[in-house]
Amino acid sequence: MRLLEKNTYEEMSVLCGRILGAQVLLKPDCALGLATGSSPIGAYEELVRQYEGGLLDFSQVRTVNLDEYCGLKAEHNQSYRYFMEEHLFGKVNIKKENTFLPDGCAGDVEAECARYEKLVAGMQVDLQLLGIGHNGHIGFNEPAEDFAAQVHQVKLAESTIKANSRLFKRMEDVPRSAVTMGIGTILKAKKILLIAGPDKADIVEKALYGPVTPQVPASALQLHGAVTVIISKQ
């Protein structure tokens, strides 16, 4: 595991974006695992800058996202499909048919989980981007009794619902469940890149140096042989 420290969020974002961009340069038809939330926005902005500067071509890139809320249609302004369109997909030359997220409105959620697990497994993700929650969740894998092996539907922890509530007009509008890659699914990526701000310092330390436990889902990253963690000091 490689740990890198940057002074600011902006510096962390530029480095993260350059690592992602390097993957695209090295393998133009690579499969990227992508994350949402506030942490990766700056990295996506860096990717857009590289694309606009003629450095990157996304025409062959394929992407799979970690998760999607249950009950939100793709066009909902808080869906993760919408987020990705706003921050990356709509600003580069990636083909929409090469971008994949779980269907949060699937009638048969169990079947959707099985479909997405099969898709991600077949994709063989080259580089998976992750953020981390204050409770140690990656994707929407909340603290639990066991590590989830595959894509599954998860009931969101109250702390996660509260953290997400700032994005919705009313608390009752915040989704209570999501479809997410499991820990096992995430660990199948060839390389993993995790980014975190200073407010996550305590949980990052637990995840990287504490015991491997499903009570801190991100601690499972200790079991992977190619993890890079970038943290910002402020």
Protein backbone atom coordinates (compact mmCIF):
# COMPACT_ATOMS: atom_id res chain seq x y z
CA MET A 1 0.00 0.00 0.00
CA ARG A 2 1.28 3.43 -0.95
CA LEU A 3 0.27 6.51 1.08
CA LEU A 4 0.70 9.98 -0.40
CA GLU A 5 0.03 13.27 1.41
CA LYS A 6 -0.83 16.54 -0.31
CA ASN A 7 -1.29 19.92 1.36
CA THR A 8 -4.67 20.82 -0.14
CA TYR A 9 -7.75 19.30 -1.71
CA GLU A 10 -6.76 20.93 -5.01
CA GLU A 11 -3.32 19.28 -4.98
CA MET A 12 -4.84 15.93 -4.07
CA SER A 13 -7.38 16.25 -6.88
CA VAL A 14 -4.76 17.09 -9.48
CA LEU A 15 -2.64 14.09 -8.48
CA CYS A 16 -5.67 11.81 -8.48
CA GLY A 17 -6.74 13.08 -11.90
CA ARG A 18 -3.26 12.57 -13.29
CA ILE A 19 -3.12 8.99 -12.01
CA LEU A 20 -6.48 8.27 -13.63
CA GLY A 21 -5.34 10.04 -16.79
CA ALA A 22 -2.13 8.02 -16.87
CA GLN A 23 -4.21 4.85 -16.83
CA VAL A 24 -6.12 6.07 -19.88
CA LEU A 25 -2.88 6.95 -21.68
CA LEU A 26 -1.30 3.60 -20.90
CA LYS A 27 -4.38 1.62 -21.91
CA PRO A 28 -6.82 3.61 -24.09
CA ASP A 29 -9.50 0.92 -23.78
CA CYS A 30 -9.12 0.58 -20.01
CA ALA A 31 -11.95 -0.05 -17.58
CA LEU A 32 -12.20 2.55 -14.83
CA GLY A 33 -14.17 2.04 -11.64
CA LEU A 34 -15.60 5.39 -10.60
CA ALA A 35 -16.98 6.94 -7.43
CA THR A 36 -19.32 9.82 -6.62
CA GLY A 37 -19.62 12.29 -3.76
CA SER A 38 -17.70 15.47 -3.07
CA SER A 39 -14.22 13.92 -2.88
CA PRO A 40 -13.71 13.00 -6.57
CA ILE A 41 -15.19 16.16 -8.12
CA GLY A 42 -11.81 17.87 -8.32
CA ALA A 43 -10.23 14.80 -9.88
CA TYR A 44 -12.93 14.72 -12.55
CA GLU A 45 -12.30 18.41 -13.22
CA GLU A 46 -8.63 17.56 -13.77
CA LEU A 47 -9.58 14.80 -16.23
CA VAL A 48 -11.76 17.27 -18.12
CA ARG A 49 -8.85 19.75 -18.26
CA GLN A 50 -6.59 17.06 -19.68
CA TYR A 51 -9.21 16.13 -22.26
CA GLU A 52 -9.80 19.74 -23.28
CA GLY A 53 -6.03 20.19 -23.58
CA GLY A 54 -5.87 17.33 -26.05
CA LEU A 55 -4.00 15.00 -23.71
CA LEU A 56 -6.71 12.38 -23.20
CA ASP A 57 -9.08 10.47 -25.44
CA PHE A 58 -11.98 8.67 -23.72
CA SER A 59 -13.51 7.20 -26.87
CA GLN A 60 -12.49 3.64 -25.95
CA VAL A 61 -12.69 3.93 -22.17
CA ARG A 62 -15.28 1.90 -20.27
CA THR A 63 -16.50 2.81 -16.79
CA VAL A 64 -18.39 1.10 -13.99
CA ASN A 65 -19.64 3.04 -11.01
CA LEU A 66 -19.64 1.74 -7.48
CA ASP A 67 -23.27 2.29 -6.66
CA GLU A 68 -26.62 3.94 -7.24
CA TYR A 69 -29.50 4.95 -5.00
CA CYS A 70 -32.60 2.80 -5.05
CA GLY A 71 -35.69 4.62 -6.22
CA LEU A 72 -34.04 7.47 -8.13
CA LYS A 73 -34.38 7.58 -11.90
CA ALA A 74 -31.27 8.34 -13.94
CA GLU A 75 -32.50 11.86 -14.73
CA HIS A 76 -33.08 12.74 -11.05
CA ASN A 77 -30.63 15.48 -10.11
CA GLN A 78 -29.35 13.48 -7.13
CA SER A 79 -28.89 10.17 -8.94
CA TYR A 80 -25.33 9.06 -9.47
CA ARG A 81 -25.89 8.77 -13.22
CA TYR A 82 -26.82 12.46 -13.22
CA PHE A 83 -23.74 13.25 -11.09
CA MET A 84 -21.43 11.49 -13.52
CA GLU A 85 -23.00 13.21 -16.53
CA GLU A 86 -22.59 16.60 -14.86
CA HIS A 87 -19.00 16.15 -13.69
CA LEU A 88 -17.39 13.92 -16.30
CA PHE A 89 -19.37 11.99 -18.93
CA GLY A 90 -21.01 15.06 -20.44
CA LYS A 91 -17.70 16.91 -20.71
CA VAL A 92 -15.47 14.36 -22.46
CA ASN A 93 -15.82 12.13 -25.52
CA ILE A 94 -16.75 8.96 -23.67
CA LYS A 95 -19.51 6.88 -25.29
CA LYS A 96 -22.64 6.62 -23.17
CA GLU A 97 -22.95 2.92 -24.04
CA ASN A 98 -19.56 2.40 -22.38
CA THR A 99 -20.64 3.90 -19.04
CA PHE A 100 -22.35 1.63 -16.54
CA LEU A 101 -24.14 2.12 -13.24
CA PRO A 102 -26.59 -0.10 -11.35
CA ASP A 103 -30.25 0.49 -12.15
CA GLY A 104 -31.68 1.86 -8.94
CA CYS A 105 -35.21 1.58 -10.27
CA ALA A 106 -35.01 -2.07 -11.32
CA GLY A 107 -38.19 -3.97 -10.54
CA ASP A 108 -36.21 -7.02 -9.43
CA VAL A 109 -33.35 -5.67 -7.33
CA GLU A 110 -31.86 -9.10 -6.69
CA ALA A 111 -31.68 -9.80 -10.43
CA GLU A 112 -30.16 -6.36 -11.01
CA CYS A 113 -27.46 -7.06 -8.43
CA ALA A 114 -26.61 -10.35 -10.16
CA ARG A 115 -26.54 -8.63 -13.56
CA TYR A 116 -24.23 -5.88 -12.37
CA GLU A 117 -21.91 -8.29 -10.56
CA LYS A 118 -21.52 -10.27 -13.78
CA LEU A 119 -20.90 -7.08 -15.77
CA VAL A 120 -18.20 -5.80 -13.40
CA ALA A 121 -16.52 -9.21 -13.25
CA GLY A 122 -16.40 -9.35 -17.04
CA MET A 123 -15.06 -5.82 -17.23
CA GLN A 124 -11.88 -6.58 -15.21
CA VAL A 125 -11.48 -3.09 -13.76
CA ASP A 126 -7.98 -1.69 -14.30
CA LEU A 127 -8.20 1.10 -11.72
CA GLN A 128 -10.92 1.60 -9.11
CA LEU A 129 -11.39 5.05 -7.55
CA LEU A 130 -12.77 5.17 -4.01
CA GLY A 131 -13.77 7.70 -1.42
CA ILE A 132 -14.35 6.77 2.21
CA GLY A 133 -17.17 7.59 4.61
CA HIS A 134 -16.72 8.77 8.19
CA ASN A 135 -17.81 5.32 9.35
CA GLY A 136 -15.35 3.61 7.01
CA HIS A 137 -17.76 2.70 4.25
CA ILE A 138 -16.51 2.31 0.69
CA GLY A 139 -19.17 2.29 -1.97
CA PHE A 140 -22.22 1.88 0.24
CA ASN A 141 -20.75 -1.01 2.20
CA GLU A 142 -21.72 0.04 5.71
CA PRO A 143 -20.21 -1.41 8.91
CA ALA A 144 -21.62 -4.92 9.27
CA GLU A 145 -21.02 -8.36 10.72
CA ASP A 146 -19.49 -9.69 7.50
CA PHE A 147 -17.85 -8.35 4.37
CA ALA A 148 -20.26 -8.40 1.44
CA ALA A 149 -18.76 -10.47 -1.36
CA GLN A 150 -20.81 -9.27 -4.32
CA VAL A 151 -23.07 -6.50 -5.62
CA HIS A 152 -25.99 -6.22 -3.25
CA GLN A 153 -28.74 -3.97 -1.98
CA VAL A 154 -27.86 -2.26 1.28
CA LYS A 155 -29.87 -0.34 3.84
CA LEU A 156 -28.03 2.92 4.43
CA ALA A 157 -26.81 3.75 7.92
CA GLU A 158 -28.44 6.69 9.65
CA SER A 159 -25.10 8.53 9.62
CA THR A 160 -24.93 8.14 5.84
CA ILE A 161 -28.53 9.27 5.39
CA LYS A 162 -27.82 12.33 7.54
CA ALA A 163 -24.65 13.11 5.58
CA ASN A 164 -26.58 12.86 2.29
CA SER A 165 -29.52 14.94 3.52
CA ARG A 166 -27.74 18.21 2.65
CA LEU A 167 -28.29 17.33 -1.00
CA PHE A 168 -32.06 16.95 -0.73
CA LYS A 169 -34.82 19.44 0.06
CA ARG A 170 -36.35 17.24 2.74
CA MET A 171 -34.95 14.51 4.97
CA GLU A 172 -37.75 12.17 3.86
CA ASP A 173 -36.56 12.51 0.25
CA VAL A 174 -33.17 10.94 1.02
CA PRO A 175 -33.03 7.35 -0.29
CA ARG A 176 -32.81 4.72 2.43
CA SER A 177 -31.15 2.03 0.33
CA ALA A 178 -28.77 1.60 -2.59
CA VAL A 179 -27.29 -1.00 -4.89
CA THR A 180 -23.54 -1.18 -4.38
CA MET A 181 -20.52 -3.21 -5.37
CA GLY A 182 -19.57 -5.55 -2.54
CA ILE A 183 -16.17 -5.54 -0.88
CA GLY A 184 -15.27 -8.64 -2.84
CA THR A 185 -16.28 -6.96 -6.09
CA ILE A 186 -14.14 -3.91 -5.30
CA LEU A 187 -11.10 -5.99 -4.41
CA LYS A 188 -11.14 -7.66 -7.84
CA ALA A 189 -9.89 -4.42 -9.42
CA LYS A 190 -6.28 -4.62 -10.57
CA LYS A 191 -5.41 -1.34 -8.84
CA ILE A 192 -7.25 0.78 -6.28
CA LEU A 193 -6.96 4.52 -5.65
CA LEU A 194 -8.53 5.98 -2.49
CA ILE A 195 -8.75 9.70 -1.77
CA ALA A 196 -9.72 11.41 1.48
CA GLY A 197 -9.78 14.87 3.02
CA PRO A 198 -8.53 15.94 6.46
CA ASP A 199 -11.92 15.27 8.07
CA LYS A 200 -11.42 11.58 7.27
CA ALA A 201 -7.96 11.30 8.88
CA ASP A 202 -9.11 9.23 11.85
CA ILE A 203 -11.07 6.69 9.83
CA VAL A 204 -8.31 6.43 7.21
CA GLU A 205 -5.84 5.57 9.98
CA LYS A 206 -8.19 2.88 11.31
CA ALA A 207 -8.73 1.49 7.82
CA LEU A 208 -5.04 1.37 6.90
CA TYR A 209 -3.44 0.41 10.20
CA GLY A 210 -6.16 -1.10 12.35
CA PRO A 211 -7.51 -4.64 12.31
CA VAL A 212 -9.23 -5.91 9.18
CA THR A 213 -12.86 -5.96 10.22
CA PRO A 214 -16.25 -5.51 8.53
CA GLN A 215 -16.96 -2.93 11.21
CA VAL A 216 -14.54 -0.74 9.24
CA PRO A 217 -15.30 -1.85 5.65
CA ALA A 218 -12.37 0.05 4.12
CA SER A 219 -9.96 -2.01 6.24
CA ALA A 220 -10.41 -4.78 3.64
CA LEU A 221 -8.15 -2.72 1.37
CA GLN A 222 -5.24 -4.03 3.44
CA LEU A 223 -5.84 -7.36 1.68
CA HIS A 224 -5.23 -5.88 -1.79
CA GLY A 225 -1.76 -5.76 -3.25
CA ALA A 226 -1.98 -2.54 -5.29
CA VAL A 227 -3.62 0.27 -3.30
CA THR A 228 -2.65 3.94 -3.44
CA VAL A 229 -4.12 6.32 -0.84
CA ILE A 230 -3.96 10.09 -1.29
CA ILE A 231 -4.92 12.30 1.64
CA SER A 232 -5.04 16.08 1.87
CA LYS A 233 -3.93 17.89 5.01
CA GLN A 234 -6.47 20.69 4.55
